[in-house]
Amino acid sequence: MVLHQAPYLVPCLFLLCIDDIPKSISDTSNPILFANDTSMTIKGSDSHESLNKIKNCIIDINSWFISNMLYLNTDKTQYSFSNKK
């Protein structure tokens, strides 16, 4: 019977769906996909460059969401900023 396999099928379909996110975003970020969470590592030479890269990355990922009929929950979207000296 097919119904008992459905709990295993949904996560697999989800992983297939998000598999192309790294190809769809700009080259300035390093995406890390884990279940339904996505993290991006972005490096810049200064804060202005880093913020521009972050904005471009969010625009790219939002475009991917729209083209795949998904919704980017901006209430749960966060970024942290750090520098090394």
PDB file of N, CA and C in Angstrom:
ATOM      1  N   MET A   1       0.844  -1.175   0.000  1.00  0.00           N
ATOM      2  CA  MET A   1       0.000   0.000   0.000  1.00  0.00           C
ATOM      3  C   MET A   1       0.891   1.241   0.000  1.00  0.00           C
ATOM      4  N   VAL A   2       0.516   2.262  -0.696  1.00  0.00           N
ATOM      5  CA  VAL A   2       1.331   3.460  -0.876  1.00  0.00           C
ATOM      6  C   VAL A   2       1.292   4.378   0.344  1.00  0.00           C
ATOM      7  N   LEU A   3       0.239   4.386   1.103  1.00  0.00           N
ATOM      8  CA  LEU A   3       0.087   5.332   2.206  1.00  0.00           C
ATOM      9  C   LEU A   3       1.158   5.194   3.277  1.00  0.00           C
ATOM     10  N   HIS A   4       1.602   4.013   3.557  1.00  0.00           N
ATOM     11  CA  HIS A   4       2.618   3.858   4.607  1.00  0.00           C
ATOM     12  C   HIS A   4       3.975   4.405   4.165  1.00  0.00           C
ATOM     13  N   GLN A   5       4.202   4.644   2.882  1.00  0.00           N
ATOM     14  CA  GLN A   5       5.456   5.195   2.396  1.00  0.00           C
ATOM     15  C   GLN A   5       5.440   6.722   2.347  1.00  0.00           C
ATOM     16  N   ALA A   6       4.287   7.337   2.478  1.00  0.00           N
ATOM     17  CA  ALA A   6       4.165   8.788   2.348  1.00  0.00           C
ATOM     18  C   ALA A   6       5.037   9.564   3.337  1.00  0.00           C
ATOM     19  N   PRO A   7       5.151   9.148   4.607  1.00  0.00           N
ATOM     20  CA  PRO A   7       6.015   9.922   5.515  1.00  0.00           C
ATOM     21  C   PRO A   7       7.472   9.990   5.057  1.00  0.00           C
ATOM     22  N   TYR A   8       7.937   9.001   4.321  1.00  0.00           N
ATOM     23  CA  TYR A   8       9.310   9.001   3.827  1.00  0.00           C
ATOM     24  C   TYR A   8       9.435   9.752   2.501  1.00  0.00           C
ATOM     25  N   LEU A   9       8.346   9.806   1.774  1.00  0.00           N
ATOM     26  CA  LEU A   9       8.363  10.434   0.466  1.00  0.00           C
ATOM     27  C   LEU A   9       8.435  11.955   0.558  1.00  0.00           C
ATOM     28  N   VAL A  10       7.726  12.548   1.498  1.00  0.00           N
ATOM     29  CA  VAL A  10       7.669  14.007   1.614  1.00  0.00           C
ATOM     30  C   VAL A  10       9.049  14.616   1.866  1.00  0.00           C
ATOM     31  N   PRO A  11       9.842  14.140   2.836  1.00  0.00           N
ATOM     32  CA  PRO A  11      11.182  14.716   3.010  1.00  0.00           C
ATOM     33  C   PRO A  11      12.072  14.555   1.777  1.00  0.00           C
ATOM     34  N   CYS A  12      11.951  13.437   1.093  1.00  0.00           N
ATOM     35  CA  CYS A  12      12.757  13.230  -0.116  1.00  0.00           C
ATOM     36  C   CYS A  12      12.364  14.217  -1.204  1.00  0.00           C
ATOM     37  N   LEU A  13      11.085  14.427  -1.390  1.00  0.00           N
ATOM     38  CA  LEU A  13      10.624  15.395  -2.385  1.00  0.00           C
ATOM     39  C   LEU A  13      11.074  16.804  -2.016  1.00  0.00           C
ATOM     40  N   PHE A  14      11.034  17.124  -0.734  1.00  0.00           N
ATOM     41  CA  PHE A  14      11.490  18.440  -0.294  1.00  0.00           C
ATOM     42  C   PHE A  14      12.974  18.633  -0.597  1.00  0.00           C
ATOM     43  N   LEU A  15      13.783  17.625  -0.307  1.00  0.00           N
ATOM     44  CA  LEU A  15      15.214  17.721  -0.578  1.00  0.00           C
ATOM     45  C   LEU A  15      15.494  17.863  -2.075  1.00  0.00           C
ATOM     46  N   LEU A  16      14.733  17.182  -2.895  1.00  0.00           N
ATOM     47  CA  LEU A  16      14.887  17.332  -4.344  1.00  0.00           C
ATOM     48  C   LEU A  16      14.506  18.742  -4.787  1.00  0.00           C
ATOM     49  N   CYS A  17      13.500  19.292  -4.134  1.00  0.00           N
ATOM     50  CA  CYS A  17      13.031  20.637  -4.478  1.00  0.00           C
ATOM     51  C   CYS A  17      14.089  21.691  -4.176  1.00  0.00           C
ATOM     52  N   ILE A  18      14.746  21.596  -3.023  1.00  0.00           N
ATOM     53  CA  ILE A  18      15.694  22.640  -2.627  1.00  0.00           C
ATOM     54  C   ILE A  18      17.114  22.374  -3.119  1.00  0.00           C
ATOM     55  N   ASP A  19      17.323  21.265  -3.778  1.00  0.00           N
ATOM     56  CA  ASP A  19      18.667  20.876  -4.206  1.00  0.00           C
ATOM     57  C   ASP A  19      19.328  21.901  -5.131  1.00  0.00           C
ATOM     58  N   ASP A  20      18.550  22.676  -5.879  1.00  0.00           N
ATOM     59  CA  ASP A  20      19.139  23.625  -6.819  1.00  0.00           C
ATOM     60  C   ASP A  20      19.315  25.037  -6.255  1.00  0.00           C
ATOM     61  N   ILE A  21      19.066  25.236  -4.972  1.00  0.00           N
ATOM     62  CA  ILE A  21      19.264  26.568  -4.381  1.00  0.00           C
ATOM     63  C   ILE A  21      20.702  27.065  -4.581  1.00  0.00           C
ATOM     64  N   PRO A  22      21.735  26.263  -4.315  1.00  0.00           N
ATOM     65  CA  PRO A  22      23.103  26.786  -4.488  1.00  0.00           C
ATOM     66  C   PRO A  22      23.393  27.276  -5.902  1.00  0.00           C
ATOM     67  N   LYS A  23      22.783  26.655  -6.901  1.00  0.00           N
ATOM     68  CA  LYS A  23      23.010  27.069  -8.283  1.00  0.00           C
ATOM     69  C   LYS A  23      22.253  28.356  -8.620  1.00  0.00           C
ATOM     70  N   SER A  24      21.231  28.670  -7.848  1.00  0.00           N
ATOM     71  CA  SER A  24      20.355  29.791  -8.165  1.00  0.00           C
ATOM     72  C   SER A  24      20.749  31.092  -7.486  1.00  0.00           C
ATOM     73  N   ILE A  25      21.639  31.034  -6.524  1.00  0.00           N
ATOM     74  CA  ILE A  25      22.026  32.251  -5.830  1.00  0.00           C
ATOM     75  C   ILE A  25      23.357  32.757  -6.362  1.00  0.00           C
ATOM     76  N   SER A  26      23.679  33.958  -5.997  1.00  0.00           N
ATOM     77  CA  SER A  26      24.894  34.575  -6.510  1.00  0.00           C
ATOM     78  C   SER A  26      26.136  33.823  -6.051  1.00  0.00           C
ATOM     79  N   ASP A  27      27.220  34.071  -6.738  1.00  0.00           N
ATOM     80  CA  ASP A  27      28.485  33.402  -6.418  1.00  0.00           C
ATOM     81  C   ASP A  27      29.159  33.955  -5.171  1.00  0.00           C
ATOM     82  N   THR A  28      28.556  34.962  -4.557  1.00  0.00           N
ATOM     83  CA  THR A  28      29.192  35.610  -3.409  1.00  0.00           C
ATOM     84  C   THR A  28      28.896  34.922  -2.088  1.00  0.00           C
ATOM     85  N   SER A  29      28.078  33.865  -2.106  1.00  0.00           N
ATOM     86  CA  SER A  29      27.738  33.214  -0.844  1.00  0.00           C
ATOM     87  C   SER A  29      28.034  31.726  -0.907  1.00  0.00           C
ATOM     88  N   ASN A  30      28.154  31.147   0.266  1.00  0.00           N
ATOM     89  CA  ASN A  30      28.380  29.720   0.403  1.00  0.00           C
ATOM     90  C   ASN A  30      27.178  29.137   1.143  1.00  0.00           C
ATOM     91  N   PRO A  31      26.201  28.563   0.421  1.00  0.00           N
ATOM     92  CA  PRO A  31      24.996  28.053   1.089  1.00  0.00           C
ATOM     93  C   PRO A  31      25.246  26.725   1.804  1.00  0.00           C
ATOM     94  N   ILE A  32      24.591  26.578   2.935  1.00  0.00           N
ATOM     95  CA  ILE A  32      24.619  25.343   3.710  1.00  0.00           C
ATOM     96  C   ILE A  32      23.167  24.921   3.896  1.00  0.00           C
ATOM     97  N   LEU A  33      22.784  23.798   3.298  1.00  0.00           N
ATOM     98  CA  LEU A  33      21.410  23.308   3.363  1.00  0.00           C
ATOM     99  C   LEU A  33      21.314  22.211   4.410  1.00  0.00           C
ATOM    100  N   PHE A  34      20.342  22.352   5.314  1.00  0.00           N
ATOM    101  CA  PHE A  34      20.103  21.325   6.316  1.00  0.00           C
ATOM    102  C   PHE A  34      18.609  21.260   6.571  1.00  0.00           C
ATOM    103  N   ALA A  35      17.992  20.152   6.193  1.00  0.00           N
ATOM    104  CA  ALA A  35      16.550  19.960   6.330  1.00  0.00           C
ATOM    105  C   ALA A  35      15.821  21.155   5.736  1.00  0.00           C
ATOM    106  N   ASN A  36      15.045  21.872   6.540  1.00  0.00           N
ATOM    107  CA  ASN A  36      14.320  23.024   5.997  1.00  0.00           C
ATOM    108  C   ASN A  36      14.988  24.345   6.381  1.00  0.00           C
ATOM    109  N   ASP A  37      16.229  24.308   6.798  1.00  0.00           N
ATOM    110  CA  ASP A  37      16.980  25.520   7.120  1.00  0.00           C
ATOM    111  C   ASP A  37      18.087  25.714   6.096  1.00  0.00           C
ATOM    112  N   THR A  38      18.306  26.955   5.737  1.00  0.00           N
ATOM    113  CA  THR A  38      19.387  27.292   4.822  1.00  0.00           C
ATOM    114  C   THR A  38      20.216  28.394   5.443  1.00  0.00           C
ATOM    115  N   SER A  39      21.506  28.209   5.473  1.00  0.00           N
ATOM    116  CA  SER A  39      22.424  29.233   5.971  1.00  0.00           C
ATOM    117  C   SER A  39      23.340  29.644   4.832  1.00  0.00           C
ATOM    118  N   MET A  40      23.728  30.903   4.839  1.00  0.00           N
ATOM    119  CA  MET A  40      24.642  31.417   3.827  1.00  0.00           C
ATOM    120  C   MET A  40      25.829  32.055   4.529  1.00  0.00           C
ATOM    121  N   THR A  41      27.011  31.739   4.076  1.00  0.00           N
ATOM    122  CA  THR A  41      28.220  32.373   4.571  1.00  0.00           C
ATOM    123  C   THR A  41      28.692  33.340   3.495  1.00  0.00           C
ATOM    124  N   ILE A  42      28.847  34.593   3.877  1.00  0.00           N
ATOM    125  CA  ILE A  42      29.227  35.640   2.928  1.00  0.00           C
ATOM    126  C   ILE A  42      30.442  36.367   3.485  1.00  0.00           C
ATOM    127  N   LYS A  43      31.437  36.568   2.633  1.00  0.00           N
ATOM    128  CA  LYS A  43      32.643  37.278   3.047  1.00  0.00           C
ATOM    129  C   LYS A  43      32.784  38.545   2.224  1.00  0.00           C
ATOM    130  N   GLY A  44      33.266  39.602   2.874  1.00  0.00           N
ATOM    131  CA  GLY A  44      33.529  40.849   2.190  1.00  0.00           C
ATOM    132  C   GLY A  44      34.745  41.525   2.779  1.00  0.00           C
ATOM    133  N   SER A  45      35.334  42.435   2.019  1.00  0.00           N
ATOM    134  CA  SER A  45      36.542  43.115   2.499  1.00  0.00           C
ATOM    135  C   SER A  45      36.224  44.206   3.513  1.00  0.00           C
ATOM    136  N   ASP A  46      34.999  44.727   3.481  1.00  0.00           N
ATOM    137  CA  ASP A  46      34.574  45.728   4.467  1.00  0.00           C
ATOM    138  C   ASP A  46      33.070  45.601   4.689  1.00  0.00           C
ATOM    139  N   SER A  47      32.535  46.358   5.646  1.00  0.00           N
ATOM    140  CA  SER A  47      31.120  46.222   5.992  1.00  0.00           C
ATOM    141  C   SER A  47      30.201  46.622   4.847  1.00  0.00           C
ATOM    142  N   HIS A  48      30.583  47.638   4.077  1.00  0.00           N
ATOM    143  CA  HIS A  48      29.747  48.075   2.955  1.00  0.00           C
ATOM    144  C   HIS A  48      29.633  46.960   1.904  1.00  0.00           C
ATOM    145  N   GLU A  49      30.757  46.357   1.547  1.00  0.00           N
ATOM    146  CA  GLU A  49      30.739  45.267   0.568  1.00  0.00           C
ATOM    147  C   GLU A  49      29.936  44.075   1.097  1.00  0.00           C
ATOM    148  N   SER A  50      30.115  43.744   2.371  1.00  0.00           N
ATOM    149  CA  SER A  50      29.398  42.617   2.968  1.00  0.00           C
ATOM    150  C   SER A  50      27.894  42.848   2.958  1.00  0.00           C
ATOM    151  N   LEU A  51      27.456  44.049   3.322  1.00  0.00           N
ATOM    152  CA  LEU A  51      26.021  44.346   3.316  1.00  0.00           C
ATOM    153  C   LEU A  51      25.445  44.273   1.908  1.00  0.00           C
ATOM    154  N   ASN A  52      26.179  44.753   0.921  1.00  0.00           N
ATOM    155  CA  ASN A  52      25.706  44.647  -0.466  1.00  0.00           C
ATOM    156  C   ASN A  52      25.578  43.188  -0.892  1.00  0.00           C
ATOM    157  N   LYS A  53      26.528  42.365  -0.505  1.00  0.00           N
ATOM    158  CA  LYS A  53      26.468  40.939  -0.828  1.00  0.00           C
ATOM    159  C   LYS A  53      25.288  40.276  -0.138  1.00  0.00           C
ATOM    160  N   ILE A  54      25.032  40.657   1.117  1.00  0.00           N
ATOM    161  CA  ILE A  54      23.886  40.105   1.849  1.00  0.00           C
ATOM    162  C   ILE A  54      22.588  40.477   1.144  1.00  0.00           C
ATOM    163  N   LYS A  55      22.443  41.745   0.765  1.00  0.00           N
ATOM    164  CA  LYS A  55      21.230  42.190   0.061  1.00  0.00           C
ATOM    165  C   LYS A  55      21.045  41.425  -1.240  1.00  0.00           C
ATOM    166  N   ASN A  56      22.119  41.277  -2.023  1.00  0.00           N
ATOM    167  CA  ASN A  56      22.026  40.547  -3.288  1.00  0.00           C
ATOM    168  C   ASN A  56      21.663  39.086  -3.073  1.00  0.00           C
ATOM    169  N   CYS A  57      22.204  38.492  -2.034  1.00  0.00           N
ATOM    170  CA  CYS A  57      21.907  37.097  -1.728  1.00  0.00           C
ATOM    171  C   CYS A  57      20.437  36.923  -1.352  1.00  0.00           C
ATOM    172  N   ILE A  58      19.910  37.828  -0.554  1.00  0.00           N
ATOM    173  CA  ILE A  58      18.500  37.754  -0.158  1.00  0.00           C
ATOM    174  C   ILE A  58      17.595  37.949  -1.376  1.00  0.00           C
ATOM    175  N   ILE A  59      17.967  38.862  -2.261  1.00  0.00           N
ATOM    176  CA  ILE A  59      17.198  39.056  -3.494  1.00  0.00           C
ATOM    177  C   ILE A  59      17.220  37.775  -4.333  1.00  0.00           C
ATOM    178  N   ASP A  60      18.389  37.162  -4.474  1.00  0.00           N
ATOM    179  CA  ASP A  60      18.514  35.922  -5.252  1.00  0.00           C
ATOM    180  C   ASP A  60      17.690  34.795  -4.649  1.00  0.00           C
ATOM    181  N   ILE A  61      17.788  34.624  -3.342  1.00  0.00           N
ATOM    182  CA  ILE A  61      17.068  33.514  -2.715  1.00  0.00           C
ATOM    183  C   ILE A  61      15.558  33.751  -2.754  1.00  0.00           C
ATOM    184  N   ASN A  62      15.136  35.005  -2.620  1.00  0.00           N
ATOM    185  CA  ASN A  62      13.715  35.317  -2.719  1.00  0.00           C
ATOM    186  C   ASN A  62      13.206  35.050  -4.134  1.00  0.00           C
ATOM    187  N   SER A  63      14.000  35.360  -5.135  1.00  0.00           N
ATOM    188  CA  SER A  63      13.619  35.060  -6.524  1.00  0.00           C
ATOM    189  C   SER A  63      13.467  33.557  -6.728  1.00  0.00           C
ATOM    190  N   TRP A  64      14.374  32.791  -6.115  1.00  0.00           N
ATOM    191  CA  TRP A  64      14.266  31.335  -6.210  1.00  0.00           C
ATOM    192  C   TRP A  64      12.969  30.861  -5.574  1.00  0.00           C
ATOM    193  N   PHE A  65      12.646  31.399  -4.390  1.00  0.00           N
ATOM    194  CA  PHE A  65      11.407  31.024  -3.713  1.00  0.00           C
ATOM    195  C   PHE A  65      10.199  31.323  -4.591  1.00  0.00           C
ATOM    196  N   ILE A  66      10.157  32.518  -5.176  1.00  0.00           N
ATOM    197  CA  ILE A  66       9.020  32.914  -6.010  1.00  0.00           C
ATOM    198  C   ILE A  66       8.896  31.999  -7.227  1.00  0.00           C
ATOM    199  N   SER A  67      10.007  31.712  -7.882  1.00  0.00           N
ATOM    200  CA  SER A  67       9.954  30.868  -9.077  1.00  0.00           C
ATOM    201  C   SER A  67       9.551  29.430  -8.761  1.00  0.00           C
ATOM    202  N   ASN A  68       9.735  29.007  -7.509  1.00  0.00           N
ATOM    203  CA  ASN A  68       9.330  27.660  -7.084  1.00  0.00           C
ATOM    204  C   ASN A  68       8.033  27.667  -6.288  1.00  0.00           C
ATOM    205  N   MET A  69       7.307  28.782  -6.366  1.00  0.00           N
ATOM    206  CA  MET A  69       6.013  28.936  -5.696  1.00  0.00           C
ATOM    207  C   MET A  69       6.097  28.675  -4.194  1.00  0.00           C
ATOM    208  N   LEU A  70       7.171  29.177  -3.591  1.00  0.00           N
ATOM    209  CA  LEU A  70       7.363  29.083  -2.151  1.00  0.00           C
ATOM    210  C   LEU A  70       7.396  30.483  -1.565  1.00  0.00           C
ATOM    211  N   TYR A  71       7.398  30.563  -0.252  1.00  0.00           N
ATOM    212  CA  TYR A  71       7.350  31.845   0.441  1.00  0.00           C
ATOM    213  C   TYR A  71       8.543  31.963   1.378  1.00  0.00           C
ATOM    214  N   LEU A  72       9.267  33.064   1.255  1.00  0.00           N
ATOM    215  CA  LEU A  72      10.368  33.352   2.177  1.00  0.00           C
ATOM    216  C   LEU A  72       9.786  34.080   3.380  1.00  0.00           C
ATOM    217  N   ASN A  73       9.847  33.451   4.536  1.00  0.00           N
ATOM    218  CA  ASN A  73       9.308  34.057   5.747  1.00  0.00           C
ATOM    219  C   ASN A  73      10.322  35.062   6.287  1.00  0.00           C
ATOM    220  N   THR A  74      10.103  36.330   5.995  1.00  0.00           N
ATOM    221  CA  THR A  74      11.049  37.361   6.410  1.00  0.00           C
ATOM    222  C   THR A  74      11.059  37.570   7.919  1.00  0.00           C
ATOM    223  N   ASP A  75       9.994  37.147   8.602  1.00  0.00           N
ATOM    224  CA  ASP A  75       9.983  37.242  10.068  1.00  0.00           C
ATOM    225  C   ASP A  75      11.005  36.284  10.692  1.00  0.00           C
ATOM    226  N   LYS A  76      11.319  35.223   9.978  1.00  0.00           N
ATOM    227  CA  LYS A  76      12.284  34.250  10.491  1.00  0.00           C
ATOM    228  C   LYS A  76      13.646  34.372   9.810  1.00  0.00           C
ATOM    229  N   THR A  77      13.797  35.336   8.912  1.00  0.00           N
ATOM    230  CA  THR A  77      15.060  35.543   8.212  1.00  0.00           C
ATOM    231  C   THR A  77      15.944  36.442   9.058  1.00  0.00           C
ATOM    232  N   GLN A  78      17.148  35.982   9.340  1.00  0.00           N
ATOM    233  CA  GLN A  78      18.069  36.718  10.200  1.00  0.00           C
ATOM    234  C   GLN A  78      19.451  36.732   9.580  1.00  0.00           C
ATOM    235  N   TYR A  79      20.229  37.706   9.966  1.00  0.00           N
ATOM    236  CA  TYR A  79      21.636  37.687   9.604  1.00  0.00           C
ATOM    237  C   TYR A  79      22.453  38.198  10.762  1.00  0.00           C
ATOM    238  N   SER A  80      23.659  37.699  10.832  1.00  0.00           N
ATOM    239  CA  SER A  80      24.587  38.172  11.852  1.00  0.00           C
ATOM    240  C   SER A  80      25.811  38.698  11.129  1.00  0.00           C
ATOM    241  N   PHE A  81      26.462  39.623  11.758  1.00  0.00           N
ATOM    242  CA  PHE A  81      27.575  40.326  11.141  1.00  0.00           C
ATOM    243  C   PHE A  81      28.764  40.240  12.077  1.00  0.00           C
ATOM    244  N   SER A  82      29.893  39.807  11.574  1.00  0.00           N
ATOM    245  CA  SER A  82      31.086  39.765  12.408  1.00  0.00           C
ATOM    246  C   SER A  82      32.293  40.137  11.553  1.00  0.00           C
ATOM    247  N   ASN A  83      33.333  40.572  12.217  1.00  0.00           N
ATOM    248  CA  ASN A  83      34.578  40.864  11.518  1.00  0.00           C
ATOM    249  C   ASN A  83      35.743  40.386  12.371  1.00  0.00           C
ATOM    250  N   LYS A  84      36.851  40.177  11.716  1.00  0.00           N
ATOM    251  CA  LYS A  84      38.025  39.759  12.470  1.00  0.00           C
ATOM    252  C   LYS A  84      39.062  40.872  12.366  1.00  0.00           C
ATOM    253  N   LYS A  85      39.680  41.117  13.472  1.00  0.00           N
ATOM    254  CA  LYS A  85      40.712  42.153  13.528  1.00  0.00           C
ATOM    255  C   LYS A  85      41.953  41.608  14.182  1.00  0.00           C
TER     256      LYS A  85
END
